[in-house]
Amino acid sequence: MSAEGAIPTLVRAAPEVSRRSFLGLGERQRRALRQFRQSPLSMVGLAIIGVLLAIAVAGPFFVPYPDDVSGALNIKERLEAPSAQHLFGTDQAGRDVFTRVIAGARVSLVAGLVVIVLAFTVGTLLGAIAGFFGGRLGEGIMRATDIFLTIPDLILAMAFAAALGPGLFNVMIAVSLVWWPGYCRLARANVVALRDSQFAEAAQSIGASRGRVLFTHILPNAFPTILVKASMDIGFAVLTTAALGFIGLGTQPPTPDWGVMIADGRNYLREAWWFSTFPGIAILLTVLAFNLLGDGLRDVMDPRARRRF
């Protein structure tokens, strides 16, 4: 066959190759989804997160006592035990605990998500720069990271929150300043491992700039493990912001916050156990759910796990 006759054959074969690649990608996604579904605990975690998000979005509009969200006082009903009228009982001001736990879900989840987004963005960017470019810039970034990591997270977050002042926004900034080093180290390790890979060298050989190679080819391949860490850290970010609220550095009354509610109820544990118990259960379920989800995502995104299918 002549060269002219071979060209149409190659042209006709190209769409078929493209179609097979597309089908292969879909098949990998289906296998990953099937693997995730095979983990009952991961599905439980996903279901709990779905319920929590639904509560955070729509819950405050359907609570039985909306006035209690803004700090209404009902002294005659103070410290009532759980009943049909008040599912989780009432607090020291007669406010419905169930209403305030539902309203507090939005505050806590938003705080956790914002903290992780900020820490993820800053840490990943700095870690990628340190791992790809190296040199004095990379050394400087990693030494600053080491300084942050030498101080316990909660103590450093308390110091930043105290310096910035009480309030939800300041707490989110304080916790983000504490958590970015973990993402920085993880991103650097992944970028260093991928920096000398064949696809990165191939991109550079065809004239791609170093910045394009980093952000277009290397970072997308480093994201899966970083995303797994982020999914597991959301629950702990909620726990940390609640801890700062517990000691008075977070959300200020009358805004409902799980940590503040636990702090208010600690003086009534003997006579009103429900006051602190139900906000504590909400925090427990949130942390547990995101950890279960992170475990499932780790199994799906781990290349060694994918090779078993």
Protein backbone atom coordinates (compact mmCIF):
# COMPACT_ATOMS: atom_id res chain seq x y z
CA MET A 1 0.00 0.00 0.00
CA SER A 2 1.27 3.48 -0.90
CA ALA A 3 1.85 6.24 1.64
CA GLU A 4 -1.16 8.11 0.20
CA GLY A 5 -3.37 5.10 0.79
CA ALA A 6 -2.17 4.67 4.37
CA ILE A 7 -3.05 8.21 5.44
CA PRO A 8 -6.87 7.75 5.33
CA THR A 9 -6.49 4.55 7.33
CA LEU A 10 -4.59 6.36 10.06
CA VAL A 11 -7.12 9.18 10.06
CA ARG A 12 -9.98 6.72 10.44
CA ALA A 13 -8.18 4.95 13.30
CA ALA A 14 -7.61 8.13 15.32
CA PRO A 15 -11.24 8.58 16.46
CA GLU A 16 -11.33 4.94 17.50
CA VAL A 17 -8.24 5.38 19.70
CA SER A 18 -9.74 8.53 21.22
CA ARG A 19 -13.01 6.72 21.88
CA ARG A 20 -11.20 3.83 23.57
CA SER A 21 -9.25 6.24 25.79
CA PHE A 22 -12.50 7.93 26.80
CA LEU A 23 -14.13 4.60 27.57
CA GLY A 24 -11.06 3.56 29.54
CA LEU A 25 -11.33 6.69 31.67
CA GLY A 26 -15.01 6.00 32.34
CA GLU A 27 -14.25 2.42 33.24
CA ARG A 28 -11.61 3.53 35.77
CA GLN A 29 -14.12 5.89 37.34
CA ARG A 30 -16.71 3.13 37.58
CA ARG A 31 -14.19 0.81 39.19
CA ALA A 32 -13.18 3.48 41.69
CA LEU A 33 -16.84 4.12 42.54
CA ARG A 34 -17.46 0.40 42.90
CA GLN A 35 -14.46 0.07 45.19
CA PHE A 36 -15.69 2.97 47.32
CA ARG A 37 -19.14 1.38 47.58
CA GLN A 38 -17.60 -1.87 48.77
CA SER A 39 -16.56 -0.13 52.00
CA PRO A 40 -19.65 0.02 54.26
CA LEU A 41 -17.99 2.38 56.72
CA SER A 42 -17.10 4.84 53.96
CA MET A 43 -20.70 4.82 52.76
CA VAL A 44 -21.85 5.44 56.33
CA GLY A 45 -19.47 8.39 56.57
CA LEU A 46 -20.73 9.79 53.26
CA ALA A 47 -24.34 9.41 54.40
CA ILE A 48 -23.66 11.22 57.69
CA ILE A 49 -21.90 14.05 55.83
CA GLY A 50 -24.85 14.34 53.48
CA VAL A 51 -27.23 14.65 56.42
CA LEU A 52 -24.98 17.21 58.14
CA LEU A 53 -24.75 19.33 54.99
CA ALA A 54 -28.52 19.19 54.53
CA ILE A 55 -28.98 20.27 58.14
CA ALA A 56 -26.46 23.09 57.75
CA VAL A 57 -28.18 24.41 54.63
CA ALA A 58 -31.87 23.95 55.43
CA GLY A 59 -31.99 23.21 59.16
CA PRO A 60 -32.09 26.80 60.49
CA PHE A 61 -35.22 27.45 58.41
CA PHE A 62 -37.16 24.56 59.95
CA VAL A 63 -36.11 24.58 63.61
CA PRO A 64 -39.00 24.50 66.10
CA TYR A 65 -37.89 27.59 68.04
CA PRO A 66 -36.19 30.04 65.65
CA ASP A 67 -36.11 32.83 68.26
CA ASP A 68 -33.76 30.72 70.38
CA VAL A 69 -31.10 31.00 67.68
CA SER A 70 -30.73 34.72 68.31
CA GLY A 71 -30.56 34.38 72.09
CA ALA A 72 -34.15 34.56 73.35
CA LEU A 73 -34.69 34.11 77.09
CA ASN A 74 -37.27 31.69 78.53
CA ILE A 75 -36.31 31.50 82.17
CA LYS A 76 -39.45 29.55 83.15
CA GLU A 77 -38.31 26.67 80.91
CA ARG A 78 -34.63 26.62 81.90
CA LEU A 79 -32.84 23.26 82.21
CA GLU A 80 -35.85 21.16 81.22
CA ALA A 81 -35.06 17.52 80.44
CA PRO A 82 -35.50 16.13 76.91
CA SER A 83 -39.17 15.71 76.05
CA ALA A 84 -41.58 15.77 73.12
CA GLN A 85 -41.65 19.56 73.32
CA HIS A 86 -37.85 19.94 73.58
CA LEU A 87 -36.13 16.94 72.01
CA PHE A 88 -32.69 17.78 73.44
CA GLY A 89 -33.94 19.67 76.50
CA THR A 90 -33.28 23.33 77.26
CA ASP A 91 -30.24 25.29 78.43
CA GLN A 92 -29.67 27.66 81.33
CA ALA A 93 -31.62 30.41 79.55
CA GLY A 94 -34.55 28.18 78.62
CA ARG A 95 -33.50 27.96 74.95
CA ASP A 96 -34.17 24.80 72.98
CA VAL A 97 -30.92 22.82 72.70
CA PHE A 98 -32.11 20.96 69.60
CA THR A 99 -32.69 24.26 67.79
CA ARG A 100 -29.28 25.58 68.72
CA VAL A 101 -27.47 22.35 67.79
CA ILE A 102 -29.12 22.44 64.34
CA ALA A 103 -28.24 26.11 63.88
CA GLY A 104 -24.71 25.50 65.12
CA ALA A 105 -24.12 22.92 62.37
CA ARG A 106 -23.88 25.70 59.77
CA VAL A 107 -21.39 27.68 61.84
CA SER A 108 -19.18 24.68 62.59
CA LEU A 109 -19.17 23.20 59.08
CA VAL A 110 -18.55 26.54 57.39
CA ALA A 111 -15.66 27.18 59.76
CA GLY A 112 -14.16 23.75 59.08
CA LEU A 113 -14.50 24.08 55.30
CA VAL A 114 -13.04 27.59 55.20
CA VAL A 115 -10.08 26.54 57.35
CA ILE A 116 -9.27 23.59 55.09
CA VAL A 117 -9.68 25.60 51.87
CA LEU A 118 -7.30 28.30 53.12
CA ALA A 119 -4.75 25.85 54.54
CA PHE A 120 -4.98 23.62 51.46
CA THR A 121 -4.47 26.54 49.05
CA VAL A 122 -1.59 28.19 50.89
CA GLY A 123 0.16 24.99 51.90
CA THR A 124 -0.12 23.30 48.51
CA LEU A 125 1.10 26.37 46.64
CA LEU A 126 4.12 26.89 48.90
CA GLY A 127 4.95 23.17 48.98
CA ALA A 128 4.75 22.92 45.19
CA ILE A 129 7.07 25.91 44.76
CA ALA A 130 9.53 24.54 47.31
CA GLY A 131 9.55 21.08 45.75
CA PHE A 132 9.76 22.12 42.11
CA PHE A 133 12.13 25.07 42.18
CA GLY A 134 14.15 24.17 45.28
CA GLY A 135 17.19 26.31 46.02
CA ARG A 136 17.19 28.98 48.67
CA LEU A 137 13.53 29.72 48.13
CA GLY A 138 12.59 26.12 48.77
CA GLU A 139 14.84 25.89 51.80
CA GLY A 140 13.37 29.08 53.24
CA ILE A 141 9.81 27.81 52.83
CA MET A 142 10.60 24.47 54.44
CA ARG A 143 12.47 26.01 57.38
CA ALA A 144 9.47 28.24 58.06
CA THR A 145 7.30 25.12 57.85
CA ASP A 146 9.52 23.34 60.38
CA ILE A 147 9.20 26.26 62.80
CA PHE A 148 5.40 26.06 62.67
CA LEU A 149 5.46 22.29 63.09
CA THR A 150 7.58 22.42 66.24
CA ILE A 151 4.75 24.10 68.19
CA PRO A 152 1.65 22.06 69.14
CA ASP A 153 -1.27 22.93 66.89
CA LEU A 154 -3.80 23.89 69.54
CA ILE A 155 -1.36 26.06 71.49
CA LEU A 156 -0.30 27.92 68.34
CA ALA A 157 -3.93 28.34 67.29
CA MET A 158 -4.74 29.75 70.73
CA ALA A 159 -1.87 32.23 70.40
CA PHE A 160 -3.01 33.41 66.97
CA ALA A 161 -6.66 33.60 68.04
CA ALA A 162 -5.75 35.60 71.15
CA ALA A 163 -3.67 37.99 69.06
CA LEU A 164 -6.39 38.46 66.45
CA GLY A 165 -9.20 38.71 68.97
CA PRO A 166 -12.33 36.60 69.54
CA GLY A 167 -14.73 35.94 66.70
CA LEU A 168 -15.47 33.27 64.11
CA PHE A 169 -13.57 34.95 61.27
CA ASN A 170 -10.45 35.40 63.39
CA VAL A 171 -10.62 31.79 64.56
CA MET A 172 -10.76 30.55 60.96
CA ILE A 173 -7.70 32.63 60.08
CA ALA A 174 -5.86 31.44 63.21
CA VAL A 175 -6.50 27.75 62.56
CA SER A 176 -5.57 28.15 58.87
CA LEU A 177 -2.23 29.66 59.89
CA VAL A 178 -1.60 26.57 61.98
CA TRP A 179 -2.64 23.92 59.45
CA TRP A 180 -0.95 25.00 56.22
CA PRO A 181 2.45 23.43 57.07
CA GLY A 182 1.03 19.90 56.87
CA TYR A 183 -0.16 20.50 53.32
CA CYS A 184 3.10 22.20 52.47
CA ARG A 185 5.20 19.18 53.42
CA LEU A 186 2.85 16.74 51.70
CA ALA A 187 2.72 18.81 48.50
CA ARG A 188 6.51 19.19 48.43
CA ALA A 189 7.02 15.43 48.83
CA ASN A 190 4.63 14.66 45.97
CA VAL A 191 6.08 17.32 43.67
CA VAL A 192 9.66 16.15 44.30
CA ALA A 193 8.61 12.60 43.45
CA LEU A 194 6.99 13.73 40.18
CA ARG A 195 9.47 16.46 39.20
CA ASP A 196 11.81 14.14 37.28
CA SER A 197 9.09 11.90 35.84
CA GLN A 198 8.95 11.18 32.13
CA PHE A 199 5.79 13.18 31.44
CA ALA A 200 7.31 16.28 33.12
CA GLU A 201 10.50 15.96 31.08
CA ALA A 202 8.45 15.42 27.91
CA ALA A 203 6.47 18.61 28.58
CA GLN A 204 9.68 20.58 29.09
CA SER A 205 11.20 19.10 25.93
CA ILE A 206 8.41 20.52 23.76
CA GLY A 207 8.94 24.01 25.15
CA ALA A 208 6.53 24.22 28.11
CA SER A 209 7.62 26.72 30.74
CA ARG A 210 8.51 25.50 34.22
CA GLY A 211 5.43 27.15 35.69
CA ARG A 212 3.21 25.43 33.11
CA VAL A 213 4.82 22.06 33.82
CA LEU A 214 4.25 22.53 37.55
CA PHE A 215 0.64 23.70 37.48
CA THR A 216 -0.60 21.77 34.44
CA HIS A 217 1.22 18.44 34.66
CA ILE A 218 2.68 17.85 38.12
CA LEU A 219 0.16 19.35 40.56
CA PRO A 220 -2.88 17.54 39.08
CA ASN A 221 -1.07 14.25 39.67
CA ALA A 222 -0.15 15.27 43.22
CA PHE A 223 -3.67 16.37 44.18
CA PRO A 224 -5.23 12.97 45.04
CA THR A 225 -3.20 12.34 48.19
CA ILE A 226 -3.57 15.98 49.26
CA LEU A 227 -7.34 15.80 48.76
CA VAL A 228 -7.51 12.69 50.92
CA LYS A 229 -5.75 14.55 53.73
CA ALA A 230 -8.11 17.51 53.28
CA SER A 231 -11.21 15.31 53.49
CA MET A 232 -10.00 13.81 56.76
CA ASP A 233 -8.90 17.16 58.18
CA ILE A 234 -12.29 18.86 57.87
CA GLY A 235 -13.59 17.02 60.92
CA PHE A 236 -10.53 17.94 62.96
CA ALA A 237 -10.86 21.56 61.83
CA VAL A 238 -14.40 21.55 63.20
CA LEU A 239 -13.05 20.06 66.43
CA THR A 240 -10.30 22.69 66.70
CA THR A 241 -12.64 25.63 66.09
CA ALA A 242 -15.02 24.17 68.68
CA ALA A 243 -12.13 23.89 71.15
CA LEU A 244 -11.28 27.56 70.65
CA GLY A 245 -14.94 28.41 71.13
CA PHE A 246 -14.92 26.35 74.32
CA ILE A 247 -12.23 28.55 75.86
CA GLY A 248 -13.90 31.76 74.70
CA LEU A 249 -11.75 32.61 71.67
CA GLY A 250 -14.20 31.53 68.99
CA THR A 251 -17.79 32.38 68.16
CA GLN A 252 -19.30 34.75 70.67
CA PRO A 253 -22.80 34.45 72.20
CA PRO A 254 -25.60 34.46 71.28
CA THR A 255 -24.48 32.87 67.99
CA PRO A 256 -24.94 29.09 68.43
CA ASP A 257 -21.66 27.17 68.34
CA TRP A 258 -21.08 23.60 69.47
CA GLY A 259 -17.93 24.43 71.41
CA VAL A 260 -19.56 27.37 73.19
CA MET A 261 -22.60 25.23 74.05
CA ILE A 262 -20.38 22.59 75.65
CA ALA A 263 -18.57 25.29 77.62
CA ASP A 264 -21.86 26.74 78.85
CA GLY A 265 -23.15 23.32 79.89
CA ARG A 266 -20.09 22.11 81.80
CA ASN A 267 -21.37 23.83 84.95
CA TYR A 268 -24.64 21.89 84.74
CA LEU A 269 -23.40 18.37 84.00
CA ARG A 270 -24.95 16.86 87.13
CA GLU A 271 -28.38 18.42 86.84
CA ALA A 272 -28.60 18.88 83.05
CA TRP A 273 -26.40 16.32 81.29
CA TRP A 274 -28.14 16.95 77.94
CA PHE A 275 -26.88 20.53 77.74
CA SER A 276 -23.31 19.51 76.81
CA THR A 277 -23.95 15.97 75.63
CA PHE A 278 -25.84 16.66 72.40
CA PRO A 279 -23.40 19.28 71.03
CA GLY A 280 -20.59 16.86 71.90
CA ILE A 281 -22.32 14.07 69.98
CA ALA A 282 -22.66 16.40 66.98
CA ILE A 283 -18.90 17.06 67.01
CA LEU A 284 -18.18 13.34 67.41
CA LEU A 285 -20.36 12.41 64.42
CA THR A 286 -18.79 15.12 62.27
CA VAL A 287 -15.21 14.05 62.99
CA LEU A 288 -16.09 10.37 62.57
CA ALA A 289 -17.92 10.92 59.27
CA PHE A 290 -15.08 12.83 57.61
CA ASN A 291 -12.53 10.27 58.81
CA LEU A 292 -14.57 7.42 57.34
CA LEU A 293 -14.92 9.34 54.07
CA GLY A 294 -11.18 10.01 53.99
CA ASP A 295 -10.40 6.33 54.50
CA GLY A 296 -12.61 5.41 51.56
CA LEU A 297 -11.08 8.07 49.30
CA ARG A 298 -7.59 6.94 50.26
CA ASP A 299 -8.35 3.39 49.16
CA VAL A 300 -9.76 4.62 45.84
CA MET A 301 -6.98 7.10 45.04
CA ASP A 302 -4.08 4.89 46.12
CA PRO A 303 -2.43 3.62 42.91
CA ARG A 304 -1.53 0.33 44.59
CA ALA A 305 -5.21 -0.19 45.40
CA ARG A 306 -6.20 0.54 41.80
CA ARG A 307 -3.79 -2.07 40.46
CA ARG A 308 -5.70 -4.78 42.30
CA PHE A 309 -8.70 -4.27 39.98
